[in-house]
Structure formats: structure tokens, C-alpha cells
Amino acid sequence: RCGPQGDIVFVLDVSGSVGYYNFKRMINFVKYSVTKFVVNRYHVQFGLVTFGTIVSSEFYLNSYSNVWSILNALSRVRYMDGETNTAGALKYLRTSSFSYMHGKETD
């Protein structure tokens, strides 16, 4: 391996306290960030967890292997409203997102 390496999972609050406008700003920030890296399993992988009342993985580290497919997936993420469940999101991140089953490559 050469160049930057890493596993990056963004965690986005899609609850009612954020609002739709700020949700779109967060998605645009993630899109911009993704374009700054070489994306593949040997360099940088991205995942996305969203949380409101429900915590869910929009995609795992091993779901996409190039920038364009990640940007396409980000365009499909929806604002959900609901309650804020930060603790649930952090627990999900720790127990599921950074697992070898979901594509963890680096330590």
C-alpha cells in the first residue's frame, strides 16, 4: 500500500433538530470530502451511518469501491426527522461499522 490509507465512517444526524437545510449541507460536505481521496480497499474506504429515532447504515466501508458510486449513494440518503439518538449511533458505529465483516481494512 502507498498513499493515504484509512477507514472513514461519517455519522449524520437526520433528526428533527437538524432540519432539512442543514441535512443537505451535511450531505454536500460529505460529498466534497469523499472527492479528496483515492477510494478503494487499499487506500480509503467510506461508510455512512444516519441517526434520528432509528440508527441505520446507509452503506458500509466495503459497499463501494470508487468515488462515483459513493456520490450516487449519498444522493439517495433521505432526511428522516424524528428524535435524536446520538448514543445509539455511537454504539452502532463501535459495534458494527468498524468490523471486518463490513470492510474494516486498517487498524
C-alpha atoms as a PDB file:
ATOM      1  CA  ARG A   1       0.000   0.000   0.000  1.00  0.00           C
ATOM      2  CA  CYS A   2       1.128   3.517  -0.673  1.00  0.00           C
ATOM      3  CA  GLY A   3      -0.563   6.860  -0.205  1.00  0.00           C
ATOM      4  CA  PRO A   4      -3.178   7.764   2.404  1.00  0.00           C
ATOM      5  CA  GLN A   5      -4.977   4.834   3.984  1.00  0.00           C
ATOM      6  CA  GLY A   6      -7.985   4.762   6.220  1.00  0.00           C
ATOM      7  CA  ASP A   7     -11.479   3.695   7.045  1.00  0.00           C
ATOM      8  CA  ILE A   8     -13.791   6.690   7.443  1.00  0.00           C
ATOM      9  CA  VAL A   9     -17.409   6.416   8.549  1.00  0.00           C
ATOM     10  CA  PHE A  10     -19.457   9.602   8.599  1.00  0.00           C
ATOM     11  CA  VAL A  11     -22.225   9.759  11.199  1.00  0.00           C
ATOM     12  CA  LEU A  12     -25.025  12.146  10.251  1.00  0.00           C
ATOM     13  CA  ASP A  13     -27.868  13.363  12.448  1.00  0.00           C
ATOM     14  CA  VAL A  14     -31.046  13.258  10.365  1.00  0.00           C
ATOM     15  CA  SER A  15     -33.355  14.086  13.290  1.00  0.00           C
ATOM     16  CA  GLY A  16     -35.824  16.939  13.500  1.00  0.00           C
ATOM     17  CA  SER A  17     -33.398  19.122  15.443  1.00  0.00           C
ATOM     18  CA  VAL A  18     -31.134  19.371  12.382  1.00  0.00           C
ATOM     19  CA  GLY A  19     -33.665  20.471   9.783  1.00  0.00           C
ATOM     20  CA  TYR A  20     -33.700  19.757   6.068  1.00  0.00           C
ATOM     21  CA  TYR A  21     -31.443  22.672   5.058  1.00  0.00           C
ATOM     22  CA  ASN A  22     -28.668  21.619   7.443  1.00  0.00           C
ATOM     23  CA  PHE A  23     -29.096  17.987   6.388  1.00  0.00           C
ATOM     24  CA  LYS A  24     -28.405  18.993   2.770  1.00  0.00           C
ATOM     25  CA  ARG A  25     -25.346  20.971   3.909  1.00  0.00           C
ATOM     26  CA  MET A  26     -24.002  17.876   5.713  1.00  0.00           C
ATOM     27  CA  ILE A  27     -24.529  15.687   2.634  1.00  0.00           C
ATOM     28  CA  ASN A  28     -22.707  18.236   0.478  1.00  0.00           C
ATOM     29  CA  PHE A  29     -19.819  18.324   2.964  1.00  0.00           C
ATOM     30  CA  VAL A  30     -19.524  14.524   2.847  1.00  0.00           C
ATOM     31  CA  LYS A  31     -19.631  14.557  -0.969  1.00  0.00           C
ATOM     32  CA  TYR A  32     -16.885  17.175  -1.082  1.00  0.00           C
ATOM     33  CA  SER A  33     -14.765  15.219   1.406  1.00  0.00           C
ATOM     34  CA  VAL A  34     -15.063  11.936  -0.478  1.00  0.00           C
ATOM     35  CA  THR A  35     -13.770  13.518  -3.685  1.00  0.00           C
ATOM     36  CA  LYS A  36     -10.485  14.411  -1.973  1.00  0.00           C
ATOM     37  CA  PHE A  37      -9.376  10.766  -1.577  1.00  0.00           C
ATOM     38  CA  VAL A  38      -8.425   7.757  -3.662  1.00  0.00           C
ATOM     39  CA  VAL A  39     -11.257   5.352  -2.868  1.00  0.00           C
ATOM     40  CA  ASN A  40     -10.659   1.602  -2.879  1.00  0.00           C
ATOM     41  CA  ARG A  41      -9.913  -1.092  -0.323  1.00  0.00           C
ATOM     42  CA  TYR A  42      -6.184  -0.364  -0.456  1.00  0.00           C
ATOM     43  CA  HIS A  43      -6.447   3.371   0.184  1.00  0.00           C
ATOM     44  CA  VAL A  44      -9.526   4.945   1.747  1.00  0.00           C
ATOM     45  CA  GLN A  45     -12.955   3.412   2.287  1.00  0.00           C
ATOM     46  CA  PHE A  46     -16.074   5.272   3.368  1.00  0.00           C
ATOM     47  CA  GLY A  47     -19.183   4.305   5.239  1.00  0.00           C
ATOM     48  CA  LEU A  48     -22.222   6.285   6.323  1.00  0.00           C
ATOM     49  CA  VAL A  49     -24.426   5.929   9.386  1.00  0.00           C
ATOM     50  CA  THR A  50     -27.524   8.083   9.853  1.00  0.00           C
ATOM     51  CA  PHE A  51     -29.482   8.535  13.023  1.00  0.00           C
ATOM     52  CA  GLY A  52     -32.706  10.039  14.172  1.00  0.00           C
ATOM     53  CA  THR A  53     -35.155   7.910  16.102  1.00  0.00           C
ATOM     54  CA  ILE A  54     -33.706   4.965  14.146  1.00  0.00           C
ATOM     55  CA  VAL A  55     -29.996   4.307  13.562  1.00  0.00           C
ATOM     56  CA  SER A  56     -29.089   2.783  10.216  1.00  0.00           C
ATOM     57  CA  SER A  57     -26.150   2.177   7.984  1.00  0.00           C
ATOM     58  CA  GLU A  58     -26.661   3.808   4.616  1.00  0.00           C
ATOM     59  CA  PHE A  59     -23.576   1.947   3.387  1.00  0.00           C
ATOM     60  CA  TYR A  60     -20.646   0.073   4.879  1.00  0.00           C
ATOM     61  CA  LEU A  61     -16.932   0.502   4.298  1.00  0.00           C
ATOM     62  CA  ASN A  62     -16.943  -2.350   1.777  1.00  0.00           C
ATOM     63  CA  SER A  63     -20.108  -1.305  -0.074  1.00  0.00           C
ATOM     64  CA  TYR A  64     -18.478   0.917  -2.706  1.00  0.00           C
ATOM     65  CA  SER A  65     -15.033   0.923  -4.269  1.00  0.00           C
ATOM     66  CA  ASN A  66     -14.982   4.246  -6.126  1.00  0.00           C
ATOM     67  CA  VAL A  67     -15.891   7.888  -5.623  1.00  0.00           C
ATOM     68  CA  TRP A  68     -18.743   7.955  -8.141  1.00  0.00           C
ATOM     69  CA  SER A  69     -20.678   5.116  -6.544  1.00  0.00           C
ATOM     70  CA  ILE A  70     -20.355   6.767  -3.135  1.00  0.00           C
ATOM     71  CA  LEU A  71     -21.574  10.098  -4.524  1.00  0.00           C
ATOM     72  CA  ASN A  72     -24.532   8.310  -6.090  1.00  0.00           C
ATOM     73  CA  ALA A  73     -25.357   6.610  -2.773  1.00  0.00           C
ATOM     74  CA  LEU A  74     -25.108   9.942  -0.949  1.00  0.00           C
ATOM     75  CA  SER A  75     -27.644  11.413  -3.371  1.00  0.00           C
ATOM     76  CA  ARG A  76     -30.136   8.759  -2.249  1.00  0.00           C
ATOM     77  CA  VAL A  77     -29.850   9.456   1.508  1.00  0.00           C
ATOM     78  CA  ARG A  78     -33.099  10.887   2.886  1.00  0.00           C
ATOM     79  CA  TYR A  79     -33.816  13.267   5.726  1.00  0.00           C
ATOM     80  CA  MET A  80     -35.838  11.306   8.275  1.00  0.00           C
ATOM     81  CA  ASP A  81     -36.840  13.756  11.048  1.00  0.00           C
ATOM     82  CA  GLY A  82     -37.694  12.174  14.435  1.00  0.00           C
ATOM     83  CA  GLU A  83     -35.847  12.163  17.758  1.00  0.00           C
ATOM     84  CA  THR A  84     -32.087  12.471  18.269  1.00  0.00           C
ATOM     85  CA  ASN A  85     -30.428   9.162  19.209  1.00  0.00           C
ATOM     86  CA  THR A  86     -26.727  10.046  19.439  1.00  0.00           C
ATOM     87  CA  ALA A  87     -25.932   7.278  21.935  1.00  0.00           C
ATOM     88  CA  GLY A  88     -27.471   4.667  19.648  1.00  0.00           C
ATOM     89  CA  ALA A  89     -25.488   5.967  16.686  1.00  0.00           C
ATOM     90  CA  LEU A  90     -22.178   5.821  18.551  1.00  0.00           C
ATOM     91  CA  LYS A  91     -22.900   2.317  19.817  1.00  0.00           C
ATOM     92  CA  TYR A  92     -23.767   1.177  16.279  1.00  0.00           C
ATOM     93  CA  LEU A  93     -20.597   2.759  14.944  1.00  0.00           C
ATOM     94  CA  ARG A  94     -18.460   0.970  17.530  1.00  0.00           C
ATOM     95  CA  THR A  95     -20.116  -2.449  17.274  1.00  0.00           C
ATOM     96  CA  SER A  96     -20.968  -2.695  13.576  1.00  0.00           C
ATOM     97  CA  SER A  97     -19.462  -0.110  11.245  1.00  0.00           C
ATOM     98  CA  PHE A  98     -15.800  -0.757  12.078  1.00  0.00           C
ATOM     99  CA  SER A  99     -15.949  -4.538  11.778  1.00  0.00           C
ATOM    100  CA  TYR A 100     -14.008  -6.781   9.426  1.00  0.00           C
ATOM    101  CA  MET A 101     -17.330  -8.130   8.142  1.00  0.00           C
ATOM    102  CA  HIS A 102     -18.251  -4.646   6.933  1.00  0.00           C
ATOM    103  CA  GLY A 103     -14.911  -3.898   5.337  1.00  0.00           C
ATOM    104  CA  LYS A 104     -12.509  -2.773   8.042  1.00  0.00           C
ATOM    105  CA  GLU A 105      -9.053  -2.920   6.418  1.00  0.00           C
ATOM    106  CA  THR A 106      -6.812  -0.797   8.606  1.00  0.00           C
ATOM    107  CA  ASP A 107      -6.035  -0.709  12.315  1.00  0.00           C
END
